[in-house]
C-alpha atoms as a PDB file:
ATOM      1  CA  UNK A   1       0.067   0.045  -0.028  1.00  0.00           C
ATOM      2  CA  UNK A   2       2.843   2.455   0.751  1.00  0.00           C
ATOM      3  CA  UNK A   3       4.336   1.742  -2.537  1.00  0.00           C
ATOM      4  CA  UNK A   4       1.159   2.693  -4.362  1.00  0.00           C
ATOM      5  CA  UNK A   5       0.950   5.994  -2.420  1.00  0.00           C
ATOM      6  CA  UNK A   6       4.590   6.846  -3.199  1.00  0.00           C
ATOM      7  CA  UNK A   7       3.878   6.040  -6.941  1.00  0.00           C
ATOM      8  CA  UNK A   8       0.869   8.362  -6.851  1.00  0.00           C
ATOM      9  CA  UNK A   9       3.102  10.997  -5.138  1.00  0.00           C
ATOM     10  CA  UNK A  10       5.725  10.542  -7.734  1.00  0.00           C
ATOM     11  CA  UNK A  11       3.344  10.894 -10.575  1.00  0.00           C
ATOM     12  CA  UNK A  12       1.906  14.054  -8.961  1.00  0.00           C
ATOM     13  CA  UNK A  13       5.441  15.536  -8.515  1.00  0.00           C
ATOM     14  CA  UNK A  14       6.478  14.517 -12.082  1.00  0.00           C
ATOM     15  CA  UNK A  15       3.351  16.341 -13.559  1.00  0.00           C
ATOM     16  CA  UNK A  16       4.176  19.455 -11.360  1.00  0.00           C
ATOM     17  CA  UNK A  17       7.730  19.550 -12.718  1.00  0.00           C
ATOM     18  CA  UNK A  18       6.576  19.296 -16.286  1.00  0.00           C
ATOM     19  CA  UNK A  19       4.084  22.042 -15.696  1.00  0.00           C
ATOM     20  CA  UNK A  20       6.870  24.132 -14.137  1.00  0.00           C
ATOM     21  CA  UNK A  21       9.139  23.481 -17.201  1.00  0.00           C
ATOM     22  CA  UNK A  22       6.369  24.552 -19.539  1.00  0.00           C
ATOM     23  CA  UNK A  23       6.098  27.811 -17.651  1.00  0.00           C
ATOM     24  CA  UNK A  24       9.838  28.451 -17.674  1.00  0.00           C
ATOM     25  CA  UNK A  25      10.163  27.722 -21.431  1.00  0.00           C
ATOM     26  CA  UNK A  26       7.462  30.343 -22.122  1.00  0.00           C
ATOM     27  CA  UNK A  27       9.205  33.071 -20.246  1.00  0.00           C
ATOM     28  CA  UNK A  28      11.591  35.493 -21.922  1.00  0.00           C
ATOM     29  CA  UNK A  29      15.188  34.933 -21.104  1.00  0.00           C
ATOM     30  CA  UNK A  30      18.277  36.885 -22.188  1.00  0.00           C
ATOM     31  CA  UNK A  31      20.436  35.475 -24.827  1.00  0.00           C
ATOM     32  CA  UNK A  32      23.401  35.449 -22.363  1.00  0.00           C
ATOM     33  CA  UNK A  33      21.427  33.406 -19.773  1.00  0.00           C
ATOM     34  CA  UNK A  34      20.236  30.904 -22.477  1.00  0.00           C
ATOM     35  CA  UNK A  35      23.913  30.430 -23.577  1.00  0.00           C
ATOM     36  CA  UNK A  36      25.136  30.120 -19.951  1.00  0.00           C
ATOM     37  CA  UNK A  37      22.532  27.364 -19.315  1.00  0.00           C
ATOM     38  CA  UNK A  38      23.234  25.805 -22.663  1.00  0.00           C
ATOM     39  CA  UNK A  39      26.975  25.546 -21.924  1.00  0.00           C
ATOM     40  CA  UNK A  40      26.222  23.650 -18.720  1.00  0.00           C
ATOM     41  CA  UNK A  41      24.743  20.663 -20.823  1.00  0.00           C
ATOM     42  CA  UNK A  42      26.550  21.177 -24.032  1.00  0.00           C
ATOM     43  CA  UNK A  43      30.431  21.156 -24.265  1.00  0.00           C
ATOM     44  CA  UNK A  44      30.682  22.734 -27.682  1.00  0.00           C
ATOM     45  CA  UNK A  45      31.688  26.134 -26.457  1.00  0.00           C
ATOM     46  CA  UNK A  46      32.863  27.377 -29.806  1.00  0.00           C
ATOM     47  CA  UNK A  47      29.431  26.425 -31.384  1.00  0.00           C
ATOM     48  CA  UNK A  48      27.550  28.211 -28.533  1.00  0.00           C
ATOM     49  CA  UNK A  49      29.733  31.297 -28.947  1.00  0.00           C
ATOM     50  CA  UNK A  50      28.997  31.431 -32.672  1.00  0.00           C
ATOM     51  CA  UNK A  51      25.306  30.904 -32.056  1.00  0.00           C
ATOM     52  CA  UNK A  52      25.416  33.753 -29.482  1.00  0.00           C
ATOM     53  CA  UNK A  53      27.105  36.118 -31.944  1.00  0.00           C
ATOM     54  CA  UNK A  54      24.660  35.374 -34.784  1.00  0.00           C
ATOM     55  CA  UNK A  55      21.619  35.813 -32.530  1.00  0.00           C
ATOM     56  CA  UNK A  56      23.159  39.092 -31.327  1.00  0.00           C
ATOM     57  CA  UNK A  57      23.687  40.323 -34.798  1.00  0.00           C
ATOM     58  CA  UNK A  58      20.126  39.544 -35.583  1.00  0.00           C
ATOM     59  CA  UNK A  59      18.891  41.521 -32.731  1.00  0.00           C
ATOM     60  CA  UNK A  60      17.555  38.507 -30.629  1.00  0.00           C
ATOM     61  CA  UNK A  61      18.719  39.787 -27.276  1.00  0.00           C
ATOM     62  CA  UNK A  62      15.649  38.371 -25.415  1.00  0.00           C
ATOM     63  CA  UNK A  63      13.213  35.497 -26.427  1.00  0.00           C
ATOM     64  CA  UNK A  64      11.463  32.431 -25.128  1.00  0.00           C
ATOM     65  CA  UNK A  65      13.968  29.617 -24.141  1.00  0.00           C
ATOM     66  CA  UNK A  66      12.067  27.247 -26.404  1.00  0.00           C
ATOM     67  CA  UNK A  67      12.573  29.576 -29.415  1.00  0.00           C
ATOM     68  CA  UNK A  68      16.240  29.925 -28.569  1.00  0.00           C
ATOM     69  CA  UNK A  69      16.563  26.202 -28.428  1.00  0.00           C
ATOM     70  CA  UNK A  70      14.885  25.662 -31.738  1.00  0.00           C
ATOM     71  CA  UNK A  71      17.128  28.251 -33.419  1.00  0.00           C
ATOM     72  CA  UNK A  72      20.236  26.610 -31.841  1.00  0.00           C
ATOM     73  CA  UNK A  73      19.403  23.172 -33.138  1.00  0.00           C
ATOM     74  CA  UNK A  74      18.710  24.698 -36.579  1.00  0.00           C
ATOM     75  CA  UNK A  75      22.177  26.452 -36.294  1.00  0.00           C
ATOM     76  CA  UNK A  76      23.946  23.310 -35.443  1.00  0.00           C
ATOM     77  CA  UNK A  77      22.658  21.624 -38.600  1.00  0.00           C
ATOM     78  CA  UNK A  78      23.522  24.515 -40.987  1.00  0.00           C
ATOM     79  CA  UNK A  79      26.113  23.644 -43.628  1.00  0.00           C
ATOM     80  CA  UNK A  80      29.295  25.473 -43.248  1.00  0.00           C
END
């Protein structure tokens, strides 16, 4: 019985975490903050630096994290 309640608790906590992540991704973040967070999980610092430079040149100083993420993924797949 205790394991069932802990599973239910885990499900509730997981859904709260997912809801929290959705709210965070909709918030505007600065380009610098996005790149700092990105560098914590992606070790390709030269690529991140080039992305940051391109975004700054395009005038994207603040945007939703999800949109930065999408543009970064597209940037990674651009031919050189």
